[in-house]
Amino acid sequence: MFGYQHYKKRIEQEQGLSVIDIPADFNVTAIYTMALLNKSANALMAYLTQPVAENIFLAHGFMGLTTQIFDKNKN
């Protein structure tokens, strides 16, 4: 069974299960992106990029968010 890093604490508590670290050369890192398709998505992006939301991500084993906003007229 494979799982995400944020399951590690729970897996270590279960008898008969163990955690195996994958060497960096073989480990895949997921990159999640967000695109604002309309103005109503701005509120969601504003929330997800606040320190309080970033702390939630970090508490569950995810990396903090990096925000890059591109002007649609420049690219």
PDB file of N, CA and C in Angstrom:
ATOM      1  N   MET A   1       0.838  -1.175   0.000  1.00  0.00           N
ATOM      2  CA  MET A   1       0.000   0.000   0.000  1.00  0.00           C
ATOM      3  C   MET A   1       0.883   1.238   0.000  1.00  0.00           C
ATOM      4  N   PHE A   2       0.561   2.180  -0.817  1.00  0.00           N
ATOM      5  CA  PHE A   2       1.285   3.438  -0.866  1.00  0.00           C
ATOM      6  C   PHE A   2       0.372   4.543  -0.343  1.00  0.00           C
ATOM      7  N   GLY A   3       0.965   5.570   0.230  1.00  0.00           N
ATOM      8  CA  GLY A   3       0.172   6.687   0.712  1.00  0.00           C
ATOM      9  C   GLY A   3       0.995   7.952   0.688  1.00  0.00           C
ATOM     10  N   TYR A   4       0.360   9.033   1.000  1.00  0.00           N
ATOM     11  CA  TYR A   4       1.018  10.327   1.040  1.00  0.00           C
ATOM     12  C   TYR A   4       1.748  10.527   2.366  1.00  0.00           C
ATOM     13  N   GLN A   5       2.708  11.417   2.357  1.00  0.00           N
ATOM     14  CA  GLN A   5       3.497  11.746   3.540  1.00  0.00           C
ATOM     15  C   GLN A   5       2.618  12.105   4.733  1.00  0.00           C
ATOM     16  N   HIS A   6       1.505  12.801   4.490  1.00  0.00           N
ATOM     17  CA  HIS A   6       0.693  13.226   5.620  1.00  0.00           C
ATOM     18  C   HIS A   6      -0.019  12.064   6.323  1.00  0.00           C
ATOM     19  N   TYR A   7       0.038  10.854   5.768  1.00  0.00           N
ATOM     20  CA  TYR A   7      -0.487   9.674   6.454  1.00  0.00           C
ATOM     21  C   TYR A   7       0.521   9.081   7.427  1.00  0.00           C
ATOM     22  N   LYS A   8       1.762   9.538   7.383  1.00  0.00           N
ATOM     23  CA  LYS A   8       2.855   8.911   8.118  1.00  0.00           C
ATOM     24  C   LYS A   8       2.546   8.747   9.606  1.00  0.00           C
ATOM     25  N   LYS A   9       2.072   9.779  10.255  1.00  0.00           N
ATOM     26  CA  LYS A   9       1.794   9.698  11.698  1.00  0.00           C
ATOM     27  C   LYS A   9       0.766   8.611  11.998  1.00  0.00           C
ATOM     28  N   ARG A  10      -0.255   8.528  11.164  1.00  0.00           N
ATOM     29  CA  ARG A  10      -1.315   7.530  11.377  1.00  0.00           C
ATOM     30  C   ARG A  10      -0.793   6.123  11.101  1.00  0.00           C
ATOM     31  N   ILE A  11      -0.021   5.949  10.047  1.00  0.00           N
ATOM     32  CA  ILE A  11       0.507   4.628   9.690  1.00  0.00           C
ATOM     33  C   ILE A  11       1.412   4.100  10.797  1.00  0.00           C
ATOM     34  N   GLU A  12       2.231   4.979  11.360  1.00  0.00           N
ATOM     35  CA  GLU A  12       3.159   4.561  12.418  1.00  0.00           C
ATOM     36  C   GLU A  12       2.422   4.089  13.669  1.00  0.00           C
ATOM     37  N   GLN A  13       1.171   4.457  13.831  1.00  0.00           N
ATOM     38  CA  GLN A  13       0.388   4.041  14.994  1.00  0.00           C
ATOM     39  C   GLN A  13      -0.268   2.669  14.806  1.00  0.00           C
ATOM     40  N   GLU A  14      -0.291   2.181  13.570  1.00  0.00           N
ATOM     41  CA  GLU A  14      -0.967   0.918  13.275  1.00  0.00           C
ATOM     42  C   GLU A  14       0.002  -0.258  13.339  1.00  0.00           C
ATOM     43  N   GLN A  15      -0.385  -1.277  14.074  1.00  0.00           N
ATOM     44  CA  GLN A  15       0.437  -2.476  14.173  1.00  0.00           C
ATOM     45  C   GLN A  15       0.503  -3.175  12.817  1.00  0.00           C
ATOM     46  N   GLY A  16       1.674  -3.576  12.425  1.00  0.00           N
ATOM     47  CA  GLY A  16       1.855  -4.297  11.167  1.00  0.00           C
ATOM     48  C   GLY A  16       2.095  -3.410   9.960  1.00  0.00           C
ATOM     49  N   LEU A  17       2.017  -2.095  10.129  1.00  0.00           N
ATOM     50  CA  LEU A  17       2.298  -1.176   9.033  1.00  0.00           C
ATOM     51  C   LEU A  17       3.593  -0.428   9.326  1.00  0.00           C
ATOM     52  N   SER A  18       4.309  -0.081   8.285  1.00  0.00           N
ATOM     53  CA  SER A  18       5.538   0.680   8.481  1.00  0.00           C
ATOM     54  C   SER A  18       5.682   1.713   7.381  1.00  0.00           C
ATOM     55  N   VAL A  19       6.544   2.668   7.621  1.00  0.00           N
ATOM     56  CA  VAL A  19       6.812   3.748   6.682  1.00  0.00           C
ATOM     57  C   VAL A  19       8.196   3.522   6.079  1.00  0.00           C
ATOM     58  N   ILE A  20       8.274   3.609   4.774  1.00  0.00           N
ATOM     59  CA  ILE A  20       9.545   3.484   4.066  1.00  0.00           C
ATOM     60  C   ILE A  20       9.776   4.772   3.317  1.00  0.00           C
ATOM     61  N   ASP A  21      10.882   5.433   3.614  1.00  0.00           N
ATOM     62  CA  ASP A  21      11.217   6.663   2.897  1.00  0.00           C
ATOM     63  C   ASP A  21      11.732   6.328   1.509  1.00  0.00           C
ATOM     64  N   ILE A  22      11.235   7.018   0.510  1.00  0.00           N
ATOM     65  CA  ILE A  22      11.667   6.832  -0.874  1.00  0.00           C
ATOM     66  C   ILE A  22      12.827   7.782  -1.129  1.00  0.00           C
ATOM     67  N   PRO A  23      13.956   7.265  -1.638  1.00  0.00           N
ATOM     68  CA  PRO A  23      15.084   8.154  -1.941  1.00  0.00           C
ATOM     69  C   PRO A  23      14.663   9.252  -2.915  1.00  0.00           C
ATOM     70  N   ALA A  24      15.202  10.446  -2.714  1.00  0.00           N
ATOM     71  CA  ALA A  24      14.818  11.613  -3.521  1.00  0.00           C
ATOM     72  C   ALA A  24      14.940  11.361  -5.018  1.00  0.00           C
ATOM     73  N   ASP A  25      15.941  10.598  -5.436  1.00  0.00           N
ATOM     74  CA  ASP A  25      16.131  10.325  -6.867  1.00  0.00           C
ATOM     75  C   ASP A  25      14.964   9.555  -7.478  1.00  0.00           C
ATOM     76  N   PHE A  26      14.211   8.835  -6.657  1.00  0.00           N
ATOM     77  CA  PHE A  26      13.119   8.008  -7.152  1.00  0.00           C
ATOM     78  C   PHE A  26      11.740   8.546  -6.776  1.00  0.00           C
ATOM     79  N   ASN A  27      11.725   9.591  -5.987  1.00  0.00           N
ATOM     80  CA  ASN A  27      10.460  10.115  -5.491  1.00  0.00           C
ATOM     81  C   ASN A  27       9.880  11.148  -6.454  1.00  0.00           C
ATOM     82  N   VAL A  28       8.602  11.077  -6.636  1.00  0.00           N
ATOM     83  CA  VAL A  28       7.894  12.010  -7.508  1.00  0.00           C
ATOM     84  C   VAL A  28       7.233  13.077  -6.633  1.00  0.00           C
ATOM     85  N   THR A  29       7.368  14.320  -7.017  1.00  0.00           N
ATOM     86  CA  THR A  29       6.743  15.413  -6.292  1.00  0.00           C
ATOM     87  C   THR A  29       5.569  15.935  -7.113  1.00  0.00           C
ATOM     88  N   ALA A  30       4.407  15.961  -6.495  1.00  0.00           N
ATOM     89  CA  ALA A  30       3.225  16.484  -7.180  1.00  0.00           C
ATOM     90  C   ALA A  30       3.219  17.998  -7.087  1.00  0.00           C
ATOM     91  N   ILE A  31       2.867  18.633  -8.175  1.00  0.00           N
ATOM     92  CA  ILE A  31       2.712  20.086  -8.206  1.00  0.00           C
ATOM     93  C   ILE A  31       1.272  20.370  -8.600  1.00  0.00           C
ATOM     94  N   TYR A  32       0.554  21.024  -7.698  1.00  0.00           N
ATOM     95  CA  TYR A  32      -0.836  21.362  -7.948  1.00  0.00           C
ATOM     96  C   TYR A  32      -0.905  22.812  -8.394  1.00  0.00           C
ATOM     97  N   THR A  33      -1.728  23.088  -9.358  1.00  0.00           N
ATOM     98  CA  THR A  33      -1.864  24.451  -9.867  1.00  0.00           C
ATOM     99  C   THR A  33      -3.306  24.922  -9.745  1.00  0.00           C
ATOM    100  N   MET A  34      -3.462  26.226  -9.849  1.00  0.00           N
ATOM    101  CA  MET A  34      -4.807  26.810  -9.820  1.00  0.00           C
ATOM    102  C   MET A  34      -4.873  27.864 -10.917  1.00  0.00           C
ATOM    103  N   ALA A  35      -5.920  27.836 -11.667  1.00  0.00           N
ATOM    104  CA  ALA A  35      -6.154  28.853 -12.689  1.00  0.00           C
ATOM    105  C   ALA A  35      -7.468  29.549 -12.370  1.00  0.00           C
ATOM    106  N   LEU A  36      -7.452  30.852 -12.450  1.00  0.00           N
ATOM    107  CA  LEU A  36      -8.665  31.618 -12.196  1.00  0.00           C
ATOM    108  C   LEU A  36      -9.433  31.756 -13.504  1.00  0.00           C
ATOM    109  N   LEU A  37     -10.516  31.016 -13.607  1.00  0.00           N
ATOM    110  CA  LEU A  37     -11.290  31.000 -14.845  1.00  0.00           C
ATOM    111  C   LEU A  37     -12.333  32.105 -14.902  1.00  0.00           C
ATOM    112  N   ASN A  38     -12.677  32.635 -13.738  1.00  0.00           N
ATOM    113  CA  ASN A  38     -13.592  33.769 -13.691  1.00  0.00           C
ATOM    114  C   ASN A  38     -13.357  34.531 -12.395  1.00  0.00           C
ATOM    115  N   LYS A  39     -13.963  35.683 -12.276  1.00  0.00           N
ATOM    116  CA  LYS A  39     -13.719  36.554 -11.122  1.00  0.00           C
ATOM    117  C   LYS A  39     -14.193  35.948  -9.804  1.00  0.00           C
ATOM    118  N   SER A  40     -15.161  35.067  -9.845  1.00  0.00           N
ATOM    119  CA  SER A  40     -15.648  34.476  -8.599  1.00  0.00           C
ATOM    120  C   SER A  40     -14.599  33.579  -7.940  1.00  0.00           C
ATOM    121  N   ALA A  41     -13.590  33.151  -8.684  1.00  0.00           N
ATOM    122  CA  ALA A  41     -12.514  32.325  -8.120  1.00  0.00           C
ATOM    123  C   ALA A  41     -11.522  33.148  -7.304  1.00  0.00           C
ATOM    124  N   ASN A  42     -11.569  34.457  -7.420  1.00  0.00           N
ATOM    125  CA  ASN A  42     -10.632  35.312  -6.682  1.00  0.00           C
ATOM    126  C   ASN A  42     -10.751  35.122  -5.169  1.00  0.00           C
ATOM    127  N   ALA A  43     -11.958  34.942  -4.672  1.00  0.00           N
ATOM    128  CA  ALA A  43     -12.142  34.768  -3.231  1.00  0.00           C
ATOM    129  C   ALA A  43     -11.492  33.475  -2.747  1.00  0.00           C
ATOM    130  N   LEU A  44     -11.613  32.417  -3.514  1.00  0.00           N
ATOM    131  CA  LEU A  44     -10.974  31.157  -3.154  1.00  0.00           C
ATOM    132  C   LEU A  44      -9.459  31.314  -3.156  1.00  0.00           C
ATOM    133  N   MET A  45      -8.915  31.931  -4.198  1.00  0.00           N
ATOM    134  CA  MET A  45      -7.473  32.135  -4.251  1.00  0.00           C
ATOM    135  C   MET A  45      -7.002  33.008  -3.097  1.00  0.00           C
ATOM    136  N   ALA A  46      -7.763  34.049  -2.781  1.00  0.00           N
ATOM    137  CA  ALA A  46      -7.395  34.932  -1.680  1.00  0.00           C
ATOM    138  C   ALA A  46      -7.333  34.153  -0.367  1.00  0.00           C
ATOM    139  N   TYR A  47      -8.281  33.252  -0.152  1.00  0.00           N
ATOM    140  CA  TYR A  47      -8.273  32.454   1.064  1.00  0.00           C
ATOM    141  C   TYR A  47      -7.096  31.473   1.083  1.00  0.00           C
ATOM    142  N   LEU A  48      -6.898  30.761  -0.016  1.00  0.00           N
ATOM    143  CA  LEU A  48      -5.853  29.729  -0.059  1.00  0.00           C
ATOM    144  C   LEU A  48      -4.444  30.288   0.051  1.00  0.00           C
ATOM    145  N   THR A  49      -4.268  31.562  -0.225  1.00  0.00           N
ATOM    146  CA  THR A  49      -2.933  32.158  -0.152  1.00  0.00           C
ATOM    147  C   THR A  49      -2.701  32.936   1.144  1.00  0.00           C
ATOM    148  N   GLN A  50      -3.627  32.862   2.081  1.00  0.00           N
ATOM    149  CA  GLN A  50      -3.460  33.496   3.391  1.00  0.00           C
ATOM    150  C   GLN A  50      -2.599  32.605   4.288  1.00  0.00           C
ATOM    151  N   PRO A  51      -1.894  33.197   5.235  1.00  0.00           N
ATOM    152  CA  PRO A  51      -1.090  32.391   6.167  1.00  0.00           C
ATOM    153  C   PRO A  51      -1.914  31.326   6.912  1.00  0.00           C
ATOM    154  N   VAL A  52      -3.152  31.621   7.271  1.00  0.00           N
ATOM    155  CA  VAL A  52      -3.962  30.638   7.992  1.00  0.00           C
ATOM    156  C   VAL A  52      -4.190  29.389   7.133  1.00  0.00           C
ATOM    157  N   ALA A  53      -4.443  29.566   5.851  1.00  0.00           N
ATOM    158  CA  ALA A  53      -4.642  28.423   4.955  1.00  0.00           C
ATOM    159  C   ALA A  53      -3.325  27.679   4.739  1.00  0.00           C
ATOM    160  N   GLU A  54      -2.230  28.423   4.585  1.00  0.00           N
ATOM    161  CA  GLU A  54      -0.932  27.772   4.407  1.00  0.00           C
ATOM    162  C   GLU A  54      -0.589  26.905   5.612  1.00  0.00           C
ATOM    163  N   ASN A  55      -0.925  27.371   6.802  1.00  0.00           N
ATOM    164  CA  ASN A  55      -0.667  26.570   8.005  1.00  0.00           C
ATOM    165  C   ASN A  55      -1.458  25.270   8.002  1.00  0.00           C
ATOM    166  N   ILE A  56      -2.655  25.297   7.425  1.00  0.00           N
ATOM    167  CA  ILE A  56      -3.448  24.070   7.308  1.00  0.00           C
ATOM    168  C   ILE A  56      -2.762  23.094   6.368  1.00  0.00           C
ATOM    169  N   PHE A  57      -2.297  23.587   5.225  1.00  0.00           N
ATOM    170  CA  PHE A  57      -1.560  22.720   4.290  1.00  0.00           C
ATOM    171  C   PHE A  57      -0.339  22.115   4.973  1.00  0.00           C
ATOM    172  N   LEU A  58       0.453  22.942   5.647  1.00  0.00           N
ATOM    173  CA  LEU A  58       1.675  22.474   6.309  1.00  0.00           C
ATOM    174  C   LEU A  58       1.359  21.446   7.394  1.00  0.00           C
ATOM    175  N   ALA A  59       0.291  21.649   8.140  1.00  0.00           N
ATOM    176  CA  ALA A  59      -0.089  20.725   9.206  1.00  0.00           C
ATOM    177  C   ALA A  59      -0.460  19.343   8.683  1.00  0.00           C
ATOM    178  N   HIS A  60      -0.856  19.278   7.413  1.00  0.00           N
ATOM    179  CA  HIS A  60      -1.254  18.002   6.819  1.00  0.00           C
ATOM    180  C   HIS A  60      -0.204  17.435   5.868  1.00  0.00           C
ATOM    181  N   GLY A  61       1.019  17.918   5.991  1.00  0.00           N
ATOM    182  CA  GLY A  61       2.124  17.332   5.241  1.00  0.00           C
ATOM    183  C   GLY A  61       2.353  17.883   3.848  1.00  0.00           C
ATOM    184  N   PHE A  62       1.632  18.911   3.478  1.00  0.00           N
ATOM    185  CA  PHE A  62       1.841  19.522   2.172  1.00  0.00           C
ATOM    186  C   PHE A  62       2.817  20.678   2.294  1.00  0.00           C
ATOM    187  N   MET A  63       3.416  21.059   1.190  1.00  0.00           N
ATOM    188  CA  MET A  63       4.282  22.238   1.171  1.00  0.00           C
ATOM    189  C   MET A  63       3.412  23.489   1.182  1.00  0.00           C
ATOM    190  N   GLY A  64       4.004  24.608   1.550  1.00  0.00           N
ATOM    191  CA  GLY A  64       3.293  25.875   1.480  1.00  0.00           C
ATOM    192  C   GLY A  64       3.025  26.263   0.037  1.00  0.00           C
ATOM    193  N   LEU A  65       2.101  27.145  -0.147  1.00  0.00           N
ATOM    194  CA  LEU A  65       1.731  27.571  -1.500  1.00  0.00           C
ATOM    195  C   LEU A  65       2.664  28.658  -2.017  1.00  0.00           C
ATOM    196  N   THR A  66       2.903  28.625  -3.292  1.00  0.00           N
ATOM    197  CA  THR A  66       3.606  29.689  -3.979  1.00  0.00           C
ATOM    198  C   THR A  66       2.629  30.270  -4.984  1.00  0.00           C
ATOM    199  N   THR A  67       2.460  31.571  -4.970  1.00  0.00           N
ATOM    200  CA  THR A  67       1.497  32.208  -5.852  1.00  0.00           C
ATOM    201  C   THR A  67       2.214  32.972  -6.952  1.00  0.00           C
ATOM    202  N   GLN A  68       1.845  32.702  -8.177  1.00  0.00           N
ATOM    203  CA  GLN A  68       2.323  33.470  -9.319  1.00  0.00           C
ATOM    204  C   GLN A  68       1.096  33.874 -10.112  1.00  0.00           C
ATOM    205  N   ILE A  69       0.894  35.158 -10.227  1.00  0.00           N
ATOM    206  CA  ILE A  69      -0.259  35.659 -10.982  1.00  0.00           C
ATOM    207  C   ILE A  69       0.261  36.291 -12.261  1.00  0.00           C
ATOM    208  N   PHE A  70      -0.232  35.811 -13.378  1.00  0.00           N
ATOM    209  CA  PHE A  70       0.205  36.309 -14.677  1.00  0.00           C
ATOM    210  C   PHE A  70      -0.861  37.210 -15.272  1.00  0.00           C
ATOM    211  N   ASP A  71      -0.455  38.303 -15.781  1.00  0.00           N
ATOM    212  CA  ASP A  71      -1.361  39.207 -16.483  1.00  0.00           C
ATOM    213  C   ASP A  71      -1.684  38.561 -17.829  1.00  0.00           C
ATOM    214  N   LYS A  72      -2.947  38.298 -18.078  1.00  0.00           N
ATOM    215  CA  LYS A  72      -3.329  37.589 -19.302  1.00  0.00           C
ATOM    216  C   LYS A  72      -2.933  38.352 -20.560  1.00  0.00           C
ATOM    217  N   ASN A  73      -2.678  39.650 -20.452  1.00  0.00           N
ATOM    218  CA  ASN A  73      -2.275  40.427 -21.622  1.00  0.00           C
ATOM    219  C   ASN A  73      -0.787  40.364 -21.915  1.00  0.00           C
ATOM    220  N   LYS A  74       0.008  39.883 -20.954  1.00  0.00           N
ATOM    221  CA  LYS A  74       1.465  39.824 -21.141  1.00  0.00           C
ATOM    222  C   LYS A  74       1.915  38.501 -21.753  1.00  0.00           C
ATOM    223  N   ASN A  75       1.196  37.425 -21.511  1.00  0.00           N
ATOM    224  CA  ASN A  75       1.626  36.122 -22.018  1.00  0.00           C
ATOM    225  C   ASN A  75       0.582  35.612 -22.931  1.00  0.00           C
TER     226      ASN A  75
END
